[in-house]
Protein backbone atom coordinates (compact mmCIF):
# COMPACT_ATOMS: atom_id res chain seq x y z
CA MET A 1 -53.26 5.22 -0.48
CA ASN A 2 -50.32 5.07 1.91
CA TRP A 3 -50.56 5.65 5.64
CA THR A 4 -49.85 9.37 5.21
CA HIS A 5 -52.85 9.67 2.90
CA TRP A 6 -54.97 7.78 5.41
CA GLY A 7 -53.82 10.19 8.12
CA ALA A 8 -54.76 13.20 6.01
CA ALA A 9 -58.14 11.67 5.17
CA GLY A 10 -58.70 10.94 8.86
CA ALA A 11 -57.90 14.55 9.77
CA ILE A 12 -60.37 15.82 7.17
CA PHE A 13 -63.03 13.38 8.39
CA ALA A 14 -62.63 14.40 12.04
CA ALA A 15 -62.50 18.13 11.30
CA SER A 16 -65.52 17.89 9.00
CA ALA A 17 -67.45 15.86 11.58
CA VAL A 18 -66.95 18.61 14.16
CA GLU A 19 -68.28 21.24 11.74
CA TRP A 20 -71.22 19.06 10.64
CA VAL A 21 -72.22 18.38 14.26
CA GLU A 22 -72.51 22.11 14.87
CA ALA A 23 -74.48 22.54 11.63
CA PHE A 24 -76.83 19.67 12.52
CA THR A 25 -77.55 21.22 15.93
CA ILE A 26 -78.70 24.43 14.24
CA VAL A 27 -80.79 22.60 11.63
CA LEU A 28 -82.43 20.47 14.33
CA ALA A 29 -83.42 23.54 16.34
CA VAL A 30 -84.86 25.17 13.21
CA ALA A 31 -86.68 21.97 12.19
CA LEU A 32 -88.48 21.82 15.53
CA SER A 33 -89.69 25.36 14.91
CA ILE A 34 -90.66 25.39 11.22
CA GLY A 35 -90.69 21.70 10.31
CA TRP A 36 -88.19 19.27 8.83
CA ALA A 37 -89.11 19.99 5.21
CA ARG A 38 -88.26 23.70 5.39
CA ALA A 39 -85.16 23.17 7.55
CA THR A 40 -83.91 20.43 5.26
CA SER A 41 -84.40 22.62 2.18
CA ALA A 42 -82.25 25.30 3.81
CA ALA A 43 -79.52 22.79 4.63
CA ILE A 44 -79.56 21.30 1.11
CA SER A 45 -79.35 24.77 -0.44
CA ALA A 46 -76.32 25.63 1.68
CA LEU A 47 -74.64 22.29 0.91
CA ALA A 48 -75.24 22.81 -2.81
CA LEU A 49 -73.47 26.17 -2.62
CA VAL A 50 -70.54 24.61 -0.72
CA SER A 51 -70.32 21.88 -3.39
CA LEU A 52 -70.06 24.52 -6.10
CA LEU A 53 -67.27 26.23 -4.15
CA VAL A 54 -65.39 22.92 -3.83
CA ALA A 55 -65.67 22.41 -7.59
CA ALA A 56 -64.52 25.99 -8.23
CA GLY A 57 -61.58 25.53 -5.87
CA ALA A 58 -60.57 22.32 -7.61
CA ALA A 59 -60.74 24.01 -11.01
CA GLY A 60 -58.71 26.95 -9.72
CA LEU A 61 -55.94 24.73 -8.38
CA HIS A 62 -55.89 22.80 -11.65
CA LEU A 63 -55.47 25.98 -13.68
CA ILE A 64 -52.66 27.38 -11.55
CA ASP A 65 -49.39 26.81 -13.34
CA GLY A 66 -46.80 27.74 -10.77
CA ASP A 67 -44.00 26.45 -8.64
CA MET A 68 -45.34 23.50 -6.64
CA ASN A 69 -42.95 24.32 -3.80
CA VAL A 70 -44.48 27.79 -3.53
CA MET A 71 -47.98 26.28 -3.53
CA ARG A 72 -46.98 23.73 -0.92
CA ALA A 73 -45.52 26.45 1.31
CA ALA A 74 -48.60 28.64 0.92
CA ILE A 75 -51.00 25.80 1.73
CA GLY A 76 -48.79 24.80 4.66
CA VAL A 77 -49.01 28.32 6.09
CA PHE A 78 -52.80 28.26 5.64
CA LEU A 79 -53.05 24.98 7.56
CA LEU A 80 -50.83 26.39 10.30
CA LEU A 81 -53.07 29.42 10.71
CA PHE A 82 -56.27 27.35 10.54
CA GLY A 83 -54.99 24.73 12.97
CA LEU A 84 -53.56 27.32 15.36
CA ARG A 85 -56.99 28.87 15.83
CA TRP A 86 -58.45 25.55 17.01
CA TYR A 87 -55.28 24.71 18.95
CA VAL A 88 -55.33 27.89 21.02
CA LYS A 89 -59.04 27.54 21.77
CA ALA A 90 -58.62 23.90 22.80
CA VAL A 91 -55.68 24.69 25.09
CA ARG A 92 -57.65 27.49 26.73
CA ARG A 93 -60.59 25.14 27.29
CA TYR A 94 -58.34 22.50 28.87
CA ALA A 95 -56.85 25.24 31.07
CA GLY A 96 -60.30 26.35 32.19
CA ARG A 97 -59.87 29.83 30.69
CA THR A 98 -62.58 29.36 28.05
CA ARG A 99 -65.91 27.70 28.64
CA LEU A 100 -66.32 24.28 27.05
CA HIS A 101 -68.52 24.20 23.97
CA ASP A 102 -71.93 22.69 24.79
CA GLU A 103 -74.15 21.47 21.94
CA LEU A 104 -77.20 21.26 24.24
CA GLU A 105 -76.76 24.88 25.29
CA GLU A 106 -76.34 25.98 21.67
CA PHE A 107 -79.49 24.04 20.79
CA ARG A 108 -81.48 25.75 23.57
CA GLU A 109 -80.20 29.21 22.60
CA THR A 110 -81.14 28.64 18.96
CA ARG A 111 -84.63 27.43 19.93
CA GLU A 112 -85.16 30.50 22.13
CA ALA A 113 -84.07 32.82 19.33
CA LEU A 114 -86.51 31.12 16.95
CA ASP A 115 -89.51 31.12 19.29
CA HIS A 116 -90.84 34.34 17.80
CA ALA A 117 -89.07 34.27 14.44
CA GLU A 118 -90.91 34.16 11.15
CA VAL A 119 -90.58 31.13 8.89
CA ARG A 120 -88.36 32.96 6.40
CA ALA A 121 -86.03 34.19 9.14
CA ALA A 122 -85.80 30.70 10.61
CA TRP A 123 -85.00 29.27 7.16
CA LEU A 124 -82.17 31.77 6.81
CA VAL A 125 -80.81 30.78 10.23
CA ALA A 126 -80.53 27.15 9.08
CA PHE A 127 -79.06 28.16 5.72
CA LYS A 128 -76.47 30.47 7.29
CA GLY A 129 -75.52 27.91 9.94
CA VAL A 130 -74.87 25.12 7.44
CA LEU A 131 -73.14 27.50 5.01
CA LEU A 132 -70.70 28.89 7.59
CA GLU A 133 -69.75 25.44 8.87
CA GLY A 134 -69.58 24.15 5.30
CA LEU A 135 -67.21 26.94 4.28
CA GLU A 136 -64.68 25.74 6.86
CA VAL A 137 -65.00 22.22 5.46
CA TRP A 138 -64.51 23.62 1.95
CA LEU A 139 -61.29 25.36 2.94
CA LEU A 140 -59.93 22.17 4.49
CA VAL A 141 -60.92 19.97 1.55
CA VAL A 142 -59.29 22.26 -1.01
CA ALA A 143 -56.15 22.81 1.09
CA MET A 144 -55.65 19.18 2.05
CA GLY A 145 -56.47 18.18 -1.52
CA HIS A 146 -52.96 19.39 -2.39
CA GLY A 147 -51.32 16.52 -0.54
CA LEU A 148 -54.24 14.14 -0.91
CA ASP A 149 -56.30 13.59 -4.04
CA LEU A 150 -59.11 16.17 -4.04
CA GLY A 151 -61.70 13.47 -4.66
CA GLN A 152 -60.49 11.57 -1.61
CA SER A 153 -60.53 14.77 0.47
CA ALA A 154 -64.11 15.49 -0.59
CA ALA A 155 -65.09 11.86 0.04
CA ALA A 156 -63.79 12.06 3.62
CA ALA A 157 -65.84 15.23 4.23
CA VAL A 158 -68.97 13.71 2.67
CA LEU A 159 -68.57 10.52 4.72
CA ALA A 160 -68.36 12.63 7.88
CA LEU A 161 -71.55 14.42 6.83
CA LEU A 162 -73.40 11.15 6.25
CA VAL A 163 -72.26 9.74 9.60
CA VAL A 164 -73.41 12.86 11.46
CA ILE A 165 -76.77 12.91 9.64
CA ALA A 166 -77.34 9.21 10.35
CA ALA A 167 -76.49 9.59 14.03
CA GLY A 168 -78.49 12.78 14.39
CA MET A 169 -81.60 11.42 12.67
CA ALA A 170 -81.44 8.24 14.74
CA LEU A 171 -81.31 10.24 17.96
CA ARG A 172 -83.32 13.30 16.83
CA ALA A 173 -81.32 15.23 19.43
CA PRO A 174 -78.20 17.39 19.60
CA LEU A 175 -75.09 15.22 19.36
CA SER A 176 -73.85 16.29 22.79
CA ALA A 177 -72.12 12.93 23.37
CA VAL A 178 -69.56 13.69 20.65
CA PRO A 179 -66.30 14.71 22.42
CA GLU A 180 -66.11 17.86 20.31
CA ASN A 181 -63.46 19.69 22.31
CA THR A 182 -61.13 16.69 22.34
CA LEU A 183 -61.70 16.17 18.62
CA LYS A 184 -60.89 19.80 17.90
CA PHE A 185 -57.64 19.54 19.85
CA LEU A 186 -56.55 16.36 18.03
CA VAL A 187 -57.54 17.76 14.64
CA ALA A 188 -55.66 20.98 15.41
CA CYS A 189 -52.53 18.94 16.20
CA ALA A 190 -52.92 17.08 12.89
CA LEU A 191 -53.39 20.30 10.91
CA LEU A 192 -50.39 21.89 12.58
CA ALA A 193 -48.32 18.80 11.81
CA PHE A 194 -49.24 18.84 8.11
CA GLY A 195 -48.88 22.63 7.98
CA SER A 196 -45.39 22.51 9.49
CA TYR A 197 -44.35 19.71 7.16
CA TRP A 198 -45.60 21.31 3.94
CA SER A 199 -44.56 24.89 4.71
CA LEU A 200 -40.93 24.00 5.52
CA ALA A 201 -40.79 21.45 2.70
CA GLY A 202 -41.93 24.14 0.28
CA VAL A 203 -39.31 26.61 1.48
CA LEU A 204 -36.30 24.33 2.07
CA GLY A 205 -37.15 21.26 0.01
CA GLU A 206 -38.64 18.11 1.46
CA GLN A 207 -35.40 16.17 1.88
CA ALA A 208 -33.56 19.08 3.47
CA ALA A 209 -36.39 20.01 5.84
CA TRP A 210 -37.48 16.50 6.80
CA PRO A 211 -34.74 13.85 6.37
CA MET A 212 -37.05 11.27 7.96
CA GLY A 213 -39.68 11.89 5.29
CA ASP A 214 -43.29 11.07 6.16
CA LEU A 215 -42.24 9.64 9.52
CA SER A 216 -41.86 13.25 10.65
CA LEU A 217 -45.65 13.72 10.56
CA PRO A 218 -46.57 11.50 13.55
CA LEU A 219 -43.65 12.95 15.48
CA LEU A 220 -44.86 16.49 14.78
CA PHE A 221 -48.38 15.48 15.84
CA LEU A 222 -47.03 14.04 19.09
CA VAL A 223 -44.98 17.18 19.80
CA TYR A 224 -47.98 19.45 19.32
CA ALA A 225 -50.25 17.20 21.39
CA VAL A 226 -47.83 16.92 24.32
CA CYS A 227 -46.92 20.62 24.26
CA GLY A 228 -50.59 21.59 24.16
CA ARG A 229 -51.47 19.55 27.23
CA LEU A 230 -48.39 20.77 29.11
CA LEU A 231 -49.26 24.37 28.24
CA ALA A 232 -52.85 23.84 29.38
CA ALA A 233 -51.62 22.44 32.69
CA GLN A 234 -49.31 25.43 33.11
CA LEU A 235 -52.13 27.89 32.38
CA ARG A 236 -54.82 26.06 34.33
CA VAL A 237 -57.01 28.30 36.44
CA PRO A 238 -56.79 27.22 40.13
CA ALA A 239 -59.97 25.75 41.55
CA ALA A 240 -61.82 27.98 43.97
CA ALA A 241 -61.00 27.30 47.60
CA PRO A 242 -63.82 25.69 49.64
CA ALA A 243 -65.87 28.02 51.79
CA GLY A 244 -64.40 28.49 55.26
CA SER A 245 -60.90 27.43 54.25
CA ARG A 246 -57.91 29.64 54.96
CA ALA A 247 -56.09 31.50 52.21
């Protein structure tokens, strides 16, 4: 693996870790309501379905016999759209226009919703939570598997899952210490960088679009990161004036 592959694997690991943290929070809340055995069975069932989807996606990409430049452009556009969603949300959070995501609050809300829920309904809550977060991981693994070996992409996602499970089981608490909003911003910058690189390379050709080759990736990441923080500063909501102060 070269440093570009390591960068792609790191982006998958970080993005997957964010999704798995949210899934673990839901499973933990369900486990405290219906027990670890039932909550774990729901999580395992959802993960098994995601694994089947990853395998199906890998088989589908293998069977496609088309222009690799077209595939590269299409996957690049997908990464741009996926990364832009996180990027916009992160910028709005930095600007104070969207409330920061709070794992402890999500945990409390899930517990309150489950207080009077039946066991079957609670099981479905855990299953749906892990499945929805896992689907986002699946999309990233299959998409990034184009530029990185699919096995390596899946390994990065699985490693992130194991790290989150180990940390969560050790603490038996929501992983509120994870800087989720910062991670989402950095991952969004990485996805936008790869998306820009692959989409233009697919349309114009890699040499024509990016004469610097892979060195363009860290530069693109830096551009997106700096522009995002500058935009957040520009859009920042002014702090409320202290009581008694003049307008």
